[in-house]
Amino acid sequence: MLSFFILIVGLVFLGVYIFTGDSFIDDGITMPLGFIFLALSFVLSLFSRKDKFGRVPLFVFPIIAVIYLLFFGIISLFWNTS
């Protein structure tokens, strides 16, 4: 259950990073904290496989990581195309 709550906190930090830019909280704080909380929730989910909510980060973290890497991979392709 703790890993599920930490996953929610990590997703909130990433949402603040993505949707507010640098206007609400400094990006140097929100992005690292978001990824630290997401990684921590994944590690904690490895130890709580019997808990129904504890297994959620086990599946959500790889999906978010792949989406994030694909997003920046596609952005880097079109970054300097002028």
PDB file of N, CA and C in Angstrom:
ATOM      1  N   MET A   1       0.821  -1.185   0.000  1.00  0.00           N
ATOM      2  CA  MET A   1       0.000   0.000   0.000  1.00  0.00           C
ATOM      3  C   MET A   1       0.870   1.254   0.000  1.00  0.00           C
ATOM      4  N   LEU A   2       1.994   1.192   0.684  1.00  0.00           N
ATOM      5  CA  LEU A   2       2.903   2.339   0.730  1.00  0.00           C
ATOM      6  C   LEU A   2       3.458   2.647  -0.657  1.00  0.00           C
ATOM      7  N   SER A   3       3.750   1.605  -1.420  1.00  0.00           N
ATOM      8  CA  SER A   3       4.284   1.835  -2.765  1.00  0.00           C
ATOM      9  C   SER A   3       3.254   2.517  -3.660  1.00  0.00           C
ATOM     10  N   PHE A   4       1.973   2.232  -3.455  1.00  0.00           N
ATOM     11  CA  PHE A   4       0.923   2.879  -4.240  1.00  0.00           C
ATOM     12  C   PHE A   4       0.838   4.368  -3.913  1.00  0.00           C
ATOM     13  N   PHE A   5       0.919   4.710  -2.630  1.00  0.00           N
ATOM     14  CA  PHE A   5       0.881   6.120  -2.241  1.00  0.00           C
ATOM     15  C   PHE A   5       2.104   6.876  -2.749  1.00  0.00           C
ATOM     16  N   ILE A   6       3.258   6.240  -2.720  1.00  0.00           N
ATOM     17  CA  ILE A   6       4.471   6.884  -3.228  1.00  0.00           C
ATOM     18  C   ILE A   6       4.385   7.048  -4.743  1.00  0.00           C
ATOM     19  N   LEU A   7       3.755   6.104  -5.424  1.00  0.00           N
ATOM     20  CA  LEU A   7       3.524   6.248  -6.867  1.00  0.00           C
ATOM     21  C   LEU A   7       2.654   7.469  -7.154  1.00  0.00           C
ATOM     22  N   ILE A   8       1.606   7.663  -6.370  1.00  0.00           N
ATOM     23  CA  ILE A   8       0.722   8.817  -6.562  1.00  0.00           C
ATOM     24  C   ILE A   8       1.489  10.114  -6.339  1.00  0.00           C
ATOM     25  N   VAL A   9       2.322  10.165  -5.301  1.00  0.00           N
ATOM     26  CA  VAL A   9       3.121  11.364  -5.026  1.00  0.00           C
ATOM     27  C   VAL A   9       4.084  11.627  -6.182  1.00  0.00           C
ATOM     28  N   GLY A  10       4.720  10.585  -6.700  1.00  0.00           N
ATOM     29  CA  GLY A  10       5.628  10.748  -7.832  1.00  0.00           C
ATOM     30  C   GLY A  10       4.916  11.238  -9.078  1.00  0.00           C
ATOM     31  N   LEU A  11       3.714  10.725  -9.327  1.00  0.00           N
ATOM     32  CA  LEU A  11       2.947  11.181 -10.484  1.00  0.00           C
ATOM     33  C   LEU A  11       2.494  12.629 -10.324  1.00  0.00           C
ATOM     34  N   VAL A  12       2.183  13.035  -9.095  1.00  0.00           N
ATOM     35  CA  VAL A  12       1.814  14.435  -8.854  1.00  0.00           C
ATOM     36  C   VAL A  12       3.002  15.345  -9.133  1.00  0.00           C
ATOM     37  N   PHE A  13       4.186  14.963  -8.662  1.00  0.00           N
ATOM     38  CA  PHE A  13       5.376  15.776  -8.926  1.00  0.00           C
ATOM     39  C   PHE A  13       5.671  15.852 -10.424  1.00  0.00           C
ATOM     40  N   LEU A  14       5.528  14.740 -11.144  1.00  0.00           N
ATOM     41  CA  LEU A  14       5.748  14.781 -12.590  1.00  0.00           C
ATOM     42  C   LEU A  14       4.681  15.609 -13.295  1.00  0.00           C
ATOM     43  N   GLY A  15       3.448  15.542 -12.809  1.00  0.00           N
ATOM     44  CA  GLY A  15       2.394  16.371 -13.383  1.00  0.00           C
ATOM     45  C   GLY A  15       2.651  17.849 -13.171  1.00  0.00           C
ATOM     46  N   VAL A  16       3.130  18.202 -11.985  1.00  0.00           N
ATOM     47  CA  VAL A  16       3.485  19.601 -11.718  1.00  0.00           C
ATOM     48  C   VAL A  16       4.633  20.024 -12.619  1.00  0.00           C
ATOM     49  N   TYR A  17       5.608  19.139 -12.816  1.00  0.00           N
ATOM     50  CA  TYR A  17       6.739  19.455 -13.690  1.00  0.00           C
ATOM     51  C   TYR A  17       6.287  19.666 -15.134  1.00  0.00           C
ATOM     52  N   ILE A  18       5.421  18.804 -15.625  1.00  0.00           N
ATOM     53  CA  ILE A  18       5.017  18.871 -17.029  1.00  0.00           C
ATOM     54  C   ILE A  18       4.058  20.028 -17.290  1.00  0.00           C
ATOM     55  N   PHE A  19       3.072  20.210 -16.426  1.00  0.00           N
ATOM     56  CA  PHE A  19       1.989  21.140 -16.740  1.00  0.00           C
ATOM     57  C   PHE A  19       2.210  22.570 -16.264  1.00  0.00           C
ATOM     58  N   THR A  20       3.121  22.794 -15.318  1.00  0.00           N
ATOM     59  CA  THR A  20       3.312  24.170 -14.859  1.00  0.00           C
ATOM     60  C   THR A  20       4.571  24.802 -15.403  1.00  0.00           C
ATOM     61  N   GLY A  21       5.452  24.020 -15.980  1.00  0.00           N
ATOM     62  CA  GLY A  21       6.712  24.588 -16.451  1.00  0.00           C
ATOM     63  C   GLY A  21       7.559  24.999 -15.265  1.00  0.00           C
ATOM     64  N   ASP A  22       8.124  26.180 -15.330  1.00  0.00           N
ATOM     65  CA  ASP A  22       8.975  26.660 -14.244  1.00  0.00           C
ATOM     66  C   ASP A  22       8.281  27.768 -13.458  1.00  0.00           C
ATOM     67  N   SER A  23       6.947  27.871 -13.587  1.00  0.00           N
ATOM     68  CA  SER A  23       6.252  28.998 -12.972  1.00  0.00           C
ATOM     69  C   SER A  23       5.825  28.730 -11.538  1.00  0.00           C
ATOM     70  N   PHE A  24       5.478  27.504 -11.190  1.00  0.00           N
ATOM     71  CA  PHE A  24       4.940  27.202  -9.864  1.00  0.00           C
ATOM     72  C   PHE A  24       6.041  26.789  -8.889  1.00  0.00           C
ATOM     73  N   ILE A  25       6.755  25.746  -9.220  1.00  0.00           N
ATOM     74  CA  ILE A  25       7.884  25.249  -8.427  1.00  0.00           C
ATOM     75  C   ILE A  25       9.034  25.038  -9.397  1.00  0.00           C
ATOM     76  N   ASP A  26      10.246  25.205  -8.923  1.00  0.00           N
ATOM     77  CA  ASP A  26      11.431  25.068  -9.767  1.00  0.00           C
ATOM     78  C   ASP A  26      11.495  23.663 -10.374  1.00  0.00           C
ATOM     79  N   ASP A  27      11.807  23.601 -11.664  1.00  0.00           N
ATOM     80  CA  ASP A  27      11.906  22.314 -12.351  1.00  0.00           C
ATOM     81  C   ASP A  27      13.038  21.456 -11.813  1.00  0.00           C
ATOM     82  N   GLY A  28      14.053  22.076 -11.246  1.00  0.00           N
ATOM     83  CA  GLY A  28      15.160  21.326 -10.669  1.00  0.00           C
ATOM     84  C   GLY A  28      14.762  20.556  -9.429  1.00  0.00           C
ATOM     85  N   ILE A  29      13.583  20.850  -8.899  1.00  0.00           N
ATOM     86  CA  ILE A  29      13.083  20.139  -7.721  1.00  0.00           C
ATOM     87  C   ILE A  29      12.031  19.107  -8.116  1.00  0.00           C
ATOM     88  N   THR A  30      11.088  19.517  -8.957  1.00  0.00           N
ATOM     89  CA  THR A  30       9.952  18.635  -9.245  1.00  0.00           C
ATOM     90  C   THR A  30      10.324  17.423 -10.095  1.00  0.00           C
ATOM     91  N   MET A  31      11.165  17.596 -11.097  1.00  0.00           N
ATOM     92  CA  MET A  31      11.516  16.462 -11.953  1.00  0.00           C
ATOM     93  C   MET A  31      12.316  15.401 -11.196  1.00  0.00           C
ATOM     94  N   PRO A  32      13.400  15.763 -10.489  1.00  0.00           N
ATOM     95  CA  PRO A  32      14.120  14.706  -9.765  1.00  0.00           C
ATOM     96  C   PRO A  32      13.282  14.043  -8.679  1.00  0.00           C
ATOM     97  N   LEU A  33      12.478  14.834  -7.950  1.00  0.00           N
ATOM     98  CA  LEU A  33      11.644  14.230  -6.913  1.00  0.00           C
ATOM     99  C   LEU A  33      10.606  13.290  -7.515  1.00  0.00           C
ATOM    100  N   GLY A  34      10.054  13.657  -8.652  1.00  0.00           N
ATOM    101  CA  GLY A  34       9.086  12.778  -9.307  1.00  0.00           C
ATOM    102  C   GLY A  34       9.696  11.444  -9.684  1.00  0.00           C
ATOM    103  N   PHE A  35      10.881  11.476 -10.272  1.00  0.00           N
ATOM    104  CA  PHE A  35      11.519  10.220 -10.674  1.00  0.00           C
ATOM    105  C   PHE A  35      12.042   9.427  -9.483  1.00  0.00           C
ATOM    106  N   ILE A  36      12.491  10.114  -8.444  1.00  0.00           N
ATOM    107  CA  ILE A  36      12.930   9.406  -7.234  1.00  0.00           C
ATOM    108  C   ILE A  36      11.751   8.676  -6.601  1.00  0.00           C
ATOM    109  N   PHE A  37      10.605   9.359  -6.500  1.00  0.00           N
ATOM    110  CA  PHE A  37       9.430   8.713  -5.921  1.00  0.00           C
ATOM    111  C   PHE A  37       8.920   7.573  -6.799  1.00  0.00           C
ATOM    112  N   LEU A  38       8.979   7.725  -8.114  1.00  0.00           N
ATOM    113  CA  LEU A  38       8.545   6.636  -8.994  1.00  0.00           C
ATOM    114  C   LEU A  38       9.465   5.423  -8.870  1.00  0.00           C
ATOM    115  N   ALA A  39      10.763   5.663  -8.823  1.00  0.00           N
ATOM    116  CA  ALA A  39      11.706   4.548  -8.671  1.00  0.00           C
ATOM    117  C   ALA A  39      11.548   3.887  -7.302  1.00  0.00           C
ATOM    118  N   LEU A  40      11.329   4.693  -6.267  1.00  0.00           N
ATOM    119  CA  LEU A  40      11.125   4.143  -4.926  1.00  0.00           C
ATOM    120  C   LEU A  40       9.846   3.308  -4.868  1.00  0.00           C
ATOM    121  N   SER A  41       8.802   3.757  -5.529  1.00  0.00           N
ATOM    122  CA  SER A  41       7.562   2.974  -5.538  1.00  0.00           C
ATOM    123  C   SER A  41       7.759   1.652  -6.272  1.00  0.00           C
ATOM    124  N   PHE A  42       8.567   1.660  -7.337  1.00  0.00           N
ATOM    125  CA  PHE A  42       8.842   0.412  -8.058  1.00  0.00           C
ATOM    126  C   PHE A  42       9.616  -0.561  -7.178  1.00  0.00           C
ATOM    127  N   VAL A  43      10.621  -0.065  -6.469  1.00  0.00           N
ATOM    128  CA  VAL A  43      11.408  -0.935  -5.587  1.00  0.00           C
ATOM    129  C   VAL A  43      10.541  -1.475  -4.456  1.00  0.00           C
ATOM    130  N   LEU A  44       9.702  -0.628  -3.871  1.00  0.00           N
ATOM    131  CA  LEU A  44       8.822  -1.097  -2.803  1.00  0.00           C
ATOM    132  C   LEU A  44       7.785  -2.088  -3.315  1.00  0.00           C
ATOM    133  N   SER A  45       7.365  -1.943  -4.555  1.00  0.00           N
ATOM    134  CA  SER A  45       6.382  -2.882  -5.096  1.00  0.00           C
ATOM    135  C   SER A  45       6.979  -4.270  -5.296  1.00  0.00           C
ATOM    136  N   LEU A  46       8.290  -4.353  -5.441  1.00  0.00           N
ATOM    137  CA  LEU A  46       8.928  -5.668  -5.550  1.00  0.00           C
ATOM    138  C   LEU A  46       8.803  -6.454  -4.257  1.00  0.00           C
ATOM    139  N   PHE A  47       8.697  -5.746  -3.130  1.00  0.00           N
ATOM    140  CA  PHE A  47       8.593  -6.409  -1.833  1.00  0.00           C
ATOM    141  C   PHE A  47       7.144  -6.610  -1.389  1.00  0.00           C
ATOM    142  N   SER A  48       6.190  -6.014  -2.067  1.00  0.00           N
ATOM    143  CA  SER A  48       4.789  -6.133  -1.650  1.00  0.00           C
ATOM    144  C   SER A  48       3.945  -6.718  -2.773  1.00  0.00           C
ATOM    145  N   ARG A  49       4.326  -7.847  -3.260  1.00  0.00           N
ATOM    146  CA  ARG A  49       3.607  -8.454  -4.388  1.00  0.00           C
ATOM    147  C   ARG A  49       2.260  -9.045  -3.978  1.00  0.00           C
ATOM    148  N   LYS A  50       2.071  -9.356  -2.701  1.00  0.00           N
ATOM    149  CA  LYS A  50       0.805  -9.949  -2.277  1.00  0.00           C
ATOM    150  C   LYS A  50      -0.294  -8.907  -2.108  1.00  0.00           C
ATOM    151  N   ASP A  51       0.080  -7.663  -1.940  1.00  0.00           N
ATOM    152  CA  ASP A  51      -0.885  -6.583  -1.779  1.00  0.00           C
ATOM    153  C   ASP A  51      -1.401  -6.156  -3.150  1.00  0.00           C
ATOM    154  N   LYS A  52      -2.727  -6.006  -3.282  1.00  0.00           N
ATOM    155  CA  LYS A  52      -3.307  -5.665  -4.583  1.00  0.00           C
ATOM    156  C   LYS A  52      -2.841  -4.291  -5.060  1.00  0.00           C
ATOM    157  N   PHE A  53      -2.882  -3.293  -4.194  1.00  0.00           N
ATOM    158  CA  PHE A  53      -2.441  -1.959  -4.577  1.00  0.00           C
ATOM    159  C   PHE A  53      -0.920  -1.871  -4.648  1.00  0.00           C
ATOM    160  N   GLY A  54      -0.229  -2.738  -3.956  1.00  0.00           N
ATOM    161  CA  GLY A  54       1.229  -2.735  -3.992  1.00  0.00           C
ATOM    162  C   GLY A  54       1.794  -3.202  -5.317  1.00  0.00           C
ATOM    163  N   ARG A  55       0.991  -3.958  -6.078  1.00  0.00           N
ATOM    164  CA  ARG A  55       1.453  -4.433  -7.381  1.00  0.00           C
ATOM    165  C   ARG A  55       1.278  -3.406  -8.489  1.00  0.00           C
ATOM    166  N   VAL A  56       0.484  -2.385  -8.257  1.00  0.00           N
ATOM    167  CA  VAL A  56       0.206  -1.391  -9.300  1.00  0.00           C
ATOM    168  C   VAL A  56       1.483  -0.720  -9.798  1.00  0.00           C
ATOM    169  N   PRO A  57       2.383  -0.228  -8.919  1.00  0.00           N
ATOM    170  CA  PRO A  57       3.612   0.405  -9.428  1.00  0.00           C
ATOM    171  C   PRO A  57       4.513  -0.549 -10.202  1.00  0.00           C
ATOM    172  N   LEU A  58       4.374  -1.840  -9.945  1.00  0.00           N
ATOM    173  CA  LEU A  58       5.181  -2.824 -10.661  1.00  0.00           C
ATOM    174  C   LEU A  58       4.878  -2.796 -12.154  1.00  0.00           C
ATOM    175  N   PHE A  59       3.651  -2.471 -12.517  1.00  0.00           N
ATOM    176  CA  PHE A  59       3.259  -2.402 -13.920  1.00  0.00           C
ATOM    177  C   PHE A  59       3.258  -0.977 -14.460  1.00  0.00           C
ATOM    178  N   VAL A  60       2.985  -0.002 -13.609  1.00  0.00           N
ATOM    179  CA  VAL A  60       2.867   1.387 -14.055  1.00  0.00           C
ATOM    180  C   VAL A  60       4.234   1.999 -14.335  1.00  0.00           C
ATOM    181  N   PHE A  61       5.232   1.713 -13.507  1.00  0.00           N
ATOM    182  CA  PHE A  61       6.550   2.326 -13.666  1.00  0.00           C
ATOM    183  C   PHE A  61       7.186   2.012 -15.020  1.00  0.00           C
ATOM    184  N   PRO A  62       7.223   0.758 -15.478  1.00  0.00           N
ATOM    185  CA  PRO A  62       7.811   0.518 -16.811  1.00  0.00           C
ATOM    186  C   PRO A  62       7.047   1.205 -17.939  1.00  0.00           C
ATOM    187  N   ILE A  63       5.724   1.288 -17.817  1.00  0.00           N
ATOM    188  CA  ILE A  63       4.935   1.965 -18.851  1.00  0.00           C
ATOM    189  C   ILE A  63       5.277   3.446 -18.895  1.00  0.00           C
ATOM    190  N   ILE A  64       5.358   4.088 -17.729  1.00  0.00           N
ATOM    191  CA  ILE A  64       5.699   5.514 -17.673  1.00  0.00           C
ATOM    192  C   ILE A  64       7.119   5.743 -18.175  1.00  0.00           C
ATOM    193  N   ALA A  65       8.041   4.854 -17.826  1.00  0.00           N
ATOM    194  CA  ALA A  65       9.429   5.011 -18.268  1.00  0.00           C
ATOM    195  C   ALA A  65       9.534   4.907 -19.791  1.00  0.00           C
ATOM    196  N   VAL A  66       8.819   3.970 -20.394  1.00  0.00           N
ATOM    197  CA  VAL A  66       8.860   3.823 -21.854  1.00  0.00           C
ATOM    198  C   VAL A  66       8.237   5.039 -22.536  1.00  0.00           C
ATOM    199  N   ILE A  67       7.107   5.516 -22.028  1.00  0.00           N
ATOM    200  CA  ILE A  67       6.475   6.705 -22.610  1.00  0.00           C
ATOM    201  C   ILE A  67       7.401   7.904 -22.504  1.00  0.00           C
ATOM    202  N   TYR A  68       8.044   8.072 -21.368  1.00  0.00           N
ATOM    203  CA  TYR A  68       8.949   9.203 -21.152  1.00  0.00           C
ATOM    204  C   TYR A  68      10.147   9.133 -22.103  1.00  0.00           C
ATOM    205  N   LEU A  69      10.741   7.955 -22.248  1.00  0.00           N
ATOM    206  CA  LEU A  69      11.889   7.810 -23.145  1.00  0.00           C
ATOM    207  C   LEU A  69      11.489   8.000 -24.606  1.00  0.00           C
ATOM    208  N   LEU A  70      10.340   7.495 -24.994  1.00  0.00           N
ATOM    209  CA  LEU A  70       9.867   7.713 -26.364  1.00  0.00           C
ATOM    210  C   LEU A  70       9.581   9.185 -26.630  1.00  0.00           C
ATOM    211  N   PHE A  71       9.005   9.865 -25.654  1.00  0.00           N
ATOM    212  CA  PHE A  71       8.710  11.286 -25.798  1.00  0.00           C
ATOM    213  C   PHE A  71       9.981  12.080 -26.052  1.00  0.00           C
ATOM    214  N   PHE A  72      11.008  11.859 -25.230  1.00  0.00           N
ATOM    215  CA  PHE A  72      12.241  12.604 -25.420  1.00  0.00           C
ATOM    216  C   PHE A  72      13.024  12.130 -26.637  1.00  0.00           C
ATOM    217  N   GLY A  73      12.858  10.887 -27.027  1.00  0.00           N
ATOM    218  CA  GLY A  73      13.478  10.423 -28.264  1.00  0.00           C
ATOM    219  C   GLY A  73      12.876  11.094 -29.477  1.00  0.00           C
ATOM    220  N   ILE A  74      11.567  11.222 -29.501  1.00  0.00           N
ATOM    221  CA  ILE A  74      10.902  11.890 -30.622  1.00  0.00           C
ATOM    222  C   ILE A  74      11.185  13.384 -30.610  1.00  0.00           C
ATOM    223  N   ILE A  75      11.199  13.994 -29.434  1.00  0.00           N
ATOM    224  CA  ILE A  75      11.511  15.427 -29.328  1.00  0.00           C
ATOM    225  C   ILE A  75      12.923  15.705 -29.837  1.00  0.00           C
ATOM    226  N   SER A  76      13.866  14.830 -29.511  1.00  0.00           N
ATOM    227  CA  SER A  76      15.249  15.063 -29.938  1.00  0.00           C
ATOM    228  C   SER A  76      15.405  14.939 -31.455  1.00  0.00           C
ATOM    229  N   LEU A  77      14.540  14.172 -32.106  1.00  0.00           N
ATOM    230  CA  LEU A  77      14.597  14.073 -33.563  1.00  0.00           C
ATOM    231  C   LEU A  77      14.215  15.384 -34.235  1.00  0.00           C
ATOM    232  N   PHE A  78      13.261  16.096 -33.662  1.00  0.00           N
ATOM    233  CA  PHE A  78      12.746  17.316 -34.272  1.00  0.00           C
ATOM    234  C   PHE A  78      13.255  18.588 -33.612  1.00  0.00           C
ATOM    235  N   TRP A  79      14.221  18.485 -32.704  1.00  0.00           N
ATOM    236  CA  TRP A  79      14.663  19.652 -31.940  1.00  0.00           C
ATOM    237  C   TRP A  79      15.347  20.696 -32.823  1.00  0.00           C
ATOM    238  N   ASN A  80      16.287  20.286 -33.641  1.00  0.00           N
ATOM    239  CA  ASN A  80      17.058  21.233 -34.454  1.00  0.00           C
ATOM    240  C   ASN A  80      16.792  21.049 -35.942  1.00  0.00           C
ATOM    241  N   THR A  81      15.566  20.855 -36.317  1.00  0.00           N
ATOM    242  CA  THR A  81      15.244  20.699 -37.733  1.00  0.00           C
ATOM    243  C   THR A  81      14.657  21.998 -38.266  1.00  0.00           C
ATOM    244  N   SER A  82      15.536  22.896 -38.699  1.00  0.00           N
ATOM    245  CA  SER A  82      15.031  24.156 -39.251  1.00  0.00           C
ATOM    246  C   SER A  82      15.690  24.455 -40.573  1.00  0.00           C
TER     247      SER A  82
END
